[in-house]
PDB file of N, CA and C in Angstrom:
ATOM      1  N   UNK A   1       4.525  -0.964   5.149  1.00  0.00           N
ATOM      2  CA  UNK A   1       5.022  -2.333   5.269  1.00  0.00           C
ATOM      3  C   UNK A   1       4.824  -2.845   6.673  1.00  0.00           C
ATOM      4  N   UNK A   2       5.097  -2.032   7.736  1.00  0.00           N
ATOM      5  CA  UNK A   2       4.883  -2.549   9.042  1.00  0.00           C
ATOM      6  C   UNK A   2       3.409  -2.783   9.341  1.00  0.00           C
ATOM      7  N   UNK A   3       2.587  -2.187   8.615  1.00  0.00           N
ATOM      8  CA  UNK A   3       1.130  -2.324   8.822  1.00  0.00           C
ATOM      9  C   UNK A   3       0.483  -3.469   8.005  1.00  0.00           C
ATOM     10  N   UNK A   4       1.322  -4.224   7.205  1.00  0.00           N
ATOM     11  CA  UNK A   4       0.799  -5.269   6.393  1.00  0.00           C
ATOM     12  C   UNK A   4       0.298  -6.394   7.290  1.00  0.00           C
ATOM     13  N   UNK A   5      -0.650  -7.160   6.709  1.00  0.00           N
ATOM     14  CA  UNK A   5      -1.276  -8.261   7.466  1.00  0.00           C
ATOM     15  C   UNK A   5      -0.233  -9.349   7.916  1.00  0.00           C
ATOM     16  N   UNK A   6       0.810  -9.565   7.043  1.00  0.00           N
ATOM     17  CA  UNK A   6       1.808 -10.639   7.390  1.00  0.00           C
ATOM     18  C   UNK A   6       2.619 -10.111   8.574  1.00  0.00           C
ATOM     19  N   UNK A   7       2.964  -8.829   8.560  1.00  0.00           N
ATOM     20  CA  UNK A   7       3.831  -8.346   9.621  1.00  0.00           C
ATOM     21  C   UNK A   7       3.076  -8.304  10.898  1.00  0.00           C
ATOM     22  N   UNK A   8       1.805  -7.901  10.836  1.00  0.00           N
ATOM     23  CA  UNK A   8       0.979  -7.842  12.056  1.00  0.00           C
ATOM     24  C   UNK A   8       0.733  -9.281  12.678  1.00  0.00           C
ATOM     25  N   UNK A   9       0.498 -10.231  11.724  1.00  0.00           N
ATOM     26  CA  UNK A   9       0.169 -11.596  12.176  1.00  0.00           C
ATOM     27  C   UNK A   9       1.380 -12.350  12.724  1.00  0.00           C
ATOM     28  N   UNK A  10       2.550 -12.161  12.216  1.00  0.00           N
ATOM     29  CA  UNK A  10       3.705 -12.963  12.574  1.00  0.00           C
ATOM     30  C   UNK A  10       4.049 -12.862  14.098  1.00  0.00           C
ATOM     31  N   UNK A  11       4.186 -11.686  14.725  1.00  0.00           N
ATOM     32  CA  UNK A  11       4.493 -11.626  16.072  1.00  0.00           C
ATOM     33  C   UNK A  11       3.408 -12.290  17.023  1.00  0.00           C
ATOM     34  N   UNK A  12       2.103 -12.001  16.614  1.00  0.00           N
ATOM     35  CA  UNK A  12       1.005 -12.534  17.402  1.00  0.00           C
ATOM     36  C   UNK A  12       1.026 -14.026  17.449  1.00  0.00           C
ATOM     37  N   UNK A  13       1.442 -14.649  16.349  1.00  0.00           N
ATOM     38  CA  UNK A  13       1.457 -16.115  16.245  1.00  0.00           C
ATOM     39  C   UNK A  13       2.510 -16.684  17.304  1.00  0.00           C
ATOM     40  N   UNK A  14       3.488 -15.794  17.578  1.00  0.00           N
ATOM     41  CA  UNK A  14       4.626 -16.279  18.574  1.00  0.00           C
ATOM     42  C   UNK A  14       4.315 -15.686  19.978  1.00  0.00           C
ATOM     43  N   UNK A  15       3.132 -15.140  20.255  1.00  0.00           N
ATOM     44  CA  UNK A  15       2.800 -14.663  21.517  1.00  0.00           C
ATOM     45  C   UNK A  15       3.288 -13.352  21.779  1.00  0.00           C
ATOM     46  N   UNK A  16       3.645 -12.554  20.845  1.00  0.00           N
ATOM     47  CA  UNK A  16       4.184 -11.215  21.012  1.00  0.00           C
ATOM     48  C   UNK A  16       3.064 -10.243  21.002  1.00  0.00           C
ATOM     49  N   UNK A  17       3.075  -9.264  21.914  1.00  0.00           N
ATOM     50  CA  UNK A  17       2.069  -8.193  21.964  1.00  0.00           C
ATOM     51  C   UNK A  17       2.660  -6.992  21.461  1.00  0.00           C
ATOM     52  N   UNK A  18       2.240  -6.602  20.140  1.00  0.00           N
ATOM     53  CA  UNK A  18       2.784  -5.364  19.609  1.00  0.00           C
ATOM     54  C   UNK A  18       2.086  -4.103  20.226  1.00  0.00           C
ATOM     55  N   UNK A  19       2.851  -3.057  20.273  1.00  0.00           N
ATOM     56  CA  UNK A  19       2.289  -1.795  20.950  1.00  0.00           C
ATOM     57  C   UNK A  19       2.830  -0.608  20.010  1.00  0.00           C
ATOM     58  N   UNK A  20       1.906   0.162  19.618  1.00  0.00           N
ATOM     59  CA  UNK A  20       2.183   1.335  18.813  1.00  0.00           C
ATOM     60  C   UNK A  20       1.820   2.656  19.554  1.00  0.00           C
ATOM     61  N   UNK A  21       2.770   3.530  19.570  1.00  0.00           N
ATOM     62  CA  UNK A  21       2.477   4.807  20.274  1.00  0.00           C
ATOM     63  C   UNK A  21       2.420   5.944  19.213  1.00  0.00           C
ATOM     64  N   UNK A  22       1.429   6.802  19.339  1.00  0.00           N
ATOM     65  CA  UNK A  22       1.177   7.909  18.380  1.00  0.00           C
ATOM     66  C   UNK A  22       1.727   9.132  19.004  1.00  0.00           C
ATOM     67  N   UNK A  23       2.844   9.707  18.521  1.00  0.00           N
ATOM     68  CA  UNK A  23       3.470  10.877  19.091  1.00  0.00           C
ATOM     69  C   UNK A  23       3.107  12.135  18.250  1.00  0.00           C
ATOM     70  N   UNK A  24       2.015  12.073  17.599  1.00  0.00           N
ATOM     71  CA  UNK A  24       1.584  13.185  16.880  1.00  0.00           C
ATOM     72  C   UNK A  24       1.392  14.495  17.647  1.00  0.00           C
ATOM     73  N   UNK A  25       0.854  14.353  18.864  1.00  0.00           N
ATOM     74  CA  UNK A  25       0.595  15.522  19.749  1.00  0.00           C
ATOM     75  C   UNK A  25       1.586  15.577  20.843  1.00  0.00           C
ATOM     76  N   UNK A  26       2.765  14.904  20.630  1.00  0.00           N
ATOM     77  CA  UNK A  26       3.899  15.046  21.571  1.00  0.00           C
ATOM     78  C   UNK A  26       3.446  14.634  23.015  1.00  0.00           C
ATOM     79  N   UNK A  27       2.776  13.466  23.153  1.00  0.00           N
ATOM     80  CA  UNK A  27       2.424  12.946  24.401  1.00  0.00           C
ATOM     81  C   UNK A  27       3.520  12.781  25.356  1.00  0.00           C
ATOM     82  N   UNK A  28       3.454  13.344  26.637  1.00  0.00           N
ATOM     83  CA  UNK A  28       4.510  13.392  27.497  1.00  0.00           C
ATOM     84  C   UNK A  28       5.040  11.954  27.887  1.00  0.00           C
ATOM     85  N   UNK A  29       4.184  10.942  27.971  1.00  0.00           N
ATOM     86  CA  UNK A  29       4.604   9.583  28.248  1.00  0.00           C
ATOM     87  C   UNK A  29       5.494   8.987  27.180  1.00  0.00           C
ATOM     88  N   UNK A  30       5.096   9.319  25.894  1.00  0.00           N
ATOM     89  CA  UNK A  30       5.941   8.833  24.830  1.00  0.00           C
ATOM     90  C   UNK A  30       7.243   9.614  24.744  1.00  0.00           C
ATOM     91  N   UNK A  31       7.183  10.824  25.073  1.00  0.00           N
ATOM     92  CA  UNK A  31       8.402  11.676  25.068  1.00  0.00           C
ATOM     93  C   UNK A  31       9.400  11.125  26.141  1.00  0.00           C
ATOM     94  N   UNK A  32       8.915  10.721  27.305  1.00  0.00           N
ATOM     95  CA  UNK A  32       9.639  10.127  28.333  1.00  0.00           C
ATOM     96  C   UNK A  32      10.223   8.791  27.953  1.00  0.00           C
ATOM     97  N   UNK A  33       9.435   7.980  27.245  1.00  0.00           N
ATOM     98  CA  UNK A  33       9.883   6.733  26.735  1.00  0.00           C
ATOM     99  C   UNK A  33      11.046   6.923  25.779  1.00  0.00           C
ATOM    100  N   UNK A  34      10.883   7.837  24.850  1.00  0.00           N
ATOM    101  CA  UNK A  34      11.975   8.100  23.868  1.00  0.00           C
ATOM    102  C   UNK A  34      13.203   8.529  24.621  1.00  0.00           C
ATOM    103  N   UNK A  35      13.081   9.455  25.542  1.00  0.00           N
ATOM    104  CA  UNK A  35      14.189   9.980  26.243  1.00  0.00           C
ATOM    105  C   UNK A  35      14.974   8.855  27.040  1.00  0.00           C
ATOM    106  N   UNK A  36      14.204   8.003  27.690  1.00  0.00           N
ATOM    107  CA  UNK A  36      14.753   6.932  28.480  1.00  0.00           C
ATOM    108  C   UNK A  36      15.604   5.974  27.517  1.00  0.00           C
ATOM    109  N   UNK A  37      15.294   6.017  26.299  1.00  0.00           N
ATOM    110  CA  UNK A  37      15.958   5.070  25.387  1.00  0.00           C
ATOM    111  C   UNK A  37      16.904   5.814  24.514  1.00  0.00           C
ATOM    112  N   UNK A  38      17.263   7.023  24.920  1.00  0.00           N
ATOM    113  CA  UNK A  38      18.237   7.871  24.237  1.00  0.00           C
ATOM    114  C   UNK A  38      17.879   8.395  22.883  1.00  0.00           C
ATOM    115  N   UNK A  39      16.542   8.551  22.642  1.00  0.00           N
ATOM    116  CA  UNK A  39      16.114   9.065  21.382  1.00  0.00           C
ATOM    117  C   UNK A  39      15.388  10.353  21.519  1.00  0.00           C
ATOM    118  N   UNK A  40      15.526  11.228  20.468  1.00  0.00           N
ATOM    119  CA  UNK A  40      14.866  12.477  20.517  1.00  0.00           C
ATOM    120  C   UNK A  40      13.557  12.508  19.591  1.00  0.00           C
ATOM    121  N   UNK A  41      13.330  11.459  18.938  1.00  0.00           N
ATOM    122  CA  UNK A  41      12.095  11.370  18.067  1.00  0.00           C
ATOM    123  C   UNK A  41      11.804   9.995  17.615  1.00  0.00           C
ATOM    124  N   UNK A  42      10.871   9.933  16.697  1.00  0.00           N
ATOM    125  CA  UNK A  42      10.460   8.634  16.135  1.00  0.00           C
ATOM    126  C   UNK A  42      11.007   8.531  14.746  1.00  0.00           C
ATOM    127  N   UNK A  43      11.054   7.290  14.223  1.00  0.00           N
ATOM    128  CA  UNK A  43      10.550   6.028  14.755  1.00  0.00           C
ATOM    129  C   UNK A  43      11.556   5.452  15.765  1.00  0.00           C
ATOM    130  N   UNK A  44      10.966   4.694  16.701  1.00  0.00           N
ATOM    131  CA  UNK A  44      11.712   3.882  17.644  1.00  0.00           C
ATOM    132  C   UNK A  44      11.123   2.580  17.685  1.00  0.00           C
ATOM    133  N   UNK A  45      11.936   1.530  17.409  1.00  0.00           N
ATOM    134  CA  UNK A  45      11.407   0.170  17.433  1.00  0.00           C
ATOM    135  C   UNK A  45      12.124  -0.556  18.621  1.00  0.00           C
ATOM    136  N   UNK A  46      11.402  -1.076  19.556  1.00  0.00           N
ATOM    137  CA  UNK A  46      11.925  -1.730  20.733  1.00  0.00           C
ATOM    138  C   UNK A  46      11.270  -3.144  20.866  1.00  0.00           C
ATOM    139  N   UNK A  47      12.172  -4.137  21.147  1.00  0.00           N
ATOM    140  CA  UNK A  47      11.679  -5.444  21.612  1.00  0.00           C
ATOM    141  C   UNK A  47      12.055  -5.667  23.043  1.00  0.00           C
ATOM    142  N   UNK A  48      11.005  -6.007  23.784  1.00  0.00           N
ATOM    143  CA  UNK A  48      11.231  -6.259  25.164  1.00  0.00           C
ATOM    144  C   UNK A  48      11.101  -7.822  25.386  1.00  0.00           C
ATOM    145  N   UNK A  49      12.267  -8.434  25.629  1.00  0.00           N
ATOM    146  CA  UNK A  49      12.159  -9.947  25.805  1.00  0.00           C
ATOM    147  C   UNK A  49      11.349 -10.373  27.029  1.00  0.00           C
ATOM    148  N   UNK A  50      10.624 -11.482  26.851  1.00  0.00           N
ATOM    149  CA  UNK A  50       9.722 -11.957  27.967  1.00  0.00           C
ATOM    150  C   UNK A  50      10.566 -12.139  29.195  1.00  0.00           C
ATOM    151  N   UNK A  51      10.012 -11.619  30.339  1.00  0.00           N
ATOM    152  CA  UNK A  51      10.673 -11.757  31.616  1.00  0.00           C
ATOM    153  C   UNK A  51      11.853 -10.802  31.766  1.00  0.00           C
ATOM    154  N   UNK A  52      12.151  -9.943  30.844  1.00  0.00           N
ATOM    155  CA  UNK A  52      13.259  -9.000  30.896  1.00  0.00           C
ATOM    156  C   UNK A  52      12.849  -7.583  30.612  1.00  0.00           C
ATOM    157  N   UNK A  53      11.983  -6.946  31.353  1.00  0.00           N
ATOM    158  CA  UNK A  53      11.461  -5.618  31.139  1.00  0.00           C
ATOM    159  C   UNK A  53      12.577  -4.599  31.147  1.00  0.00           C
ATOM    160  N   UNK A  54      13.640  -4.914  31.855  1.00  0.00           N
ATOM    161  CA  UNK A  54      14.791  -3.936  31.962  1.00  0.00           C
ATOM    162  C   UNK A  54      15.937  -4.198  30.933  1.00  0.00           C
ATOM    163  N   UNK A  55      15.665  -5.033  29.997  1.00  0.00           N
ATOM    164  CA  UNK A  55      16.623  -5.284  29.001  1.00  0.00           C
ATOM    165  C   UNK A  55      16.051  -5.168  27.530  1.00  0.00           C
ATOM    166  N   UNK A  56      15.537  -3.919  27.235  1.00  0.00           N
ATOM    167  CA  UNK A  56      14.988  -3.801  25.854  1.00  0.00           C
ATOM    168  C   UNK A  56      16.073  -3.931  24.847  1.00  0.00           C
ATOM    169  N   UNK A  57      15.659  -4.281  23.656  1.00  0.00           N
ATOM    170  CA  UNK A  57      16.529  -4.256  22.450  1.00  0.00           C
ATOM    171  C   UNK A  57      15.996  -3.298  21.516  1.00  0.00           C
ATOM    172  N   UNK A  58      16.914  -2.271  21.195  1.00  0.00           N
ATOM    173  CA  UNK A  58      16.499  -1.237  20.199  1.00  0.00           C
ATOM    174  C   UNK A  58      16.862  -1.750  18.851  1.00  0.00           C
ATOM    175  N   UNK A  59      15.966  -1.692  17.946  1.00  0.00           N
ATOM    176  CA  UNK A  59      16.087  -2.048  16.576  1.00  0.00           C
ATOM    177  C   UNK A  59      16.551  -0.833  15.702  1.00  0.00           C
ATOM    178  N   UNK A  60      17.168  -1.049  14.598  1.00  0.00           N
ATOM    179  CA  UNK A  60      17.422   0.080  13.761  1.00  0.00           C
ATOM    180  C   UNK A  60      16.162   0.753  13.135  1.00  0.00           C
ATOM    181  N   UNK A  61      16.279   2.025  12.905  1.00  0.00           N
ATOM    182  CA  UNK A  61      15.081   2.772  12.389  1.00  0.00           C
ATOM    183  C   UNK A  61      14.851   2.578  10.889  1.00  0.00           C
ATOM    184  N   UNK A  62      15.787   2.001  10.168  1.00  0.00           N
ATOM    185  CA  UNK A  62      15.594   1.867   8.778  1.00  0.00           C
ATOM    186  C   UNK A  62      15.068   0.519   8.392  1.00  0.00           C
TER     187      UNK A  62
END
């Protein structure tokens, strides 16, 4: 569902840059990102508002 063309197109239409991290091989940078946001694993959905890189919004996993 997250990979559907409608879901992919909607944020881009609003100037949002989606980013997907692949944690298959336990990349240390992704592990650090998860830890900084109080998570031990995936999925993790985060919205970073424009101009507020220090105020991420964590979305529910379901």
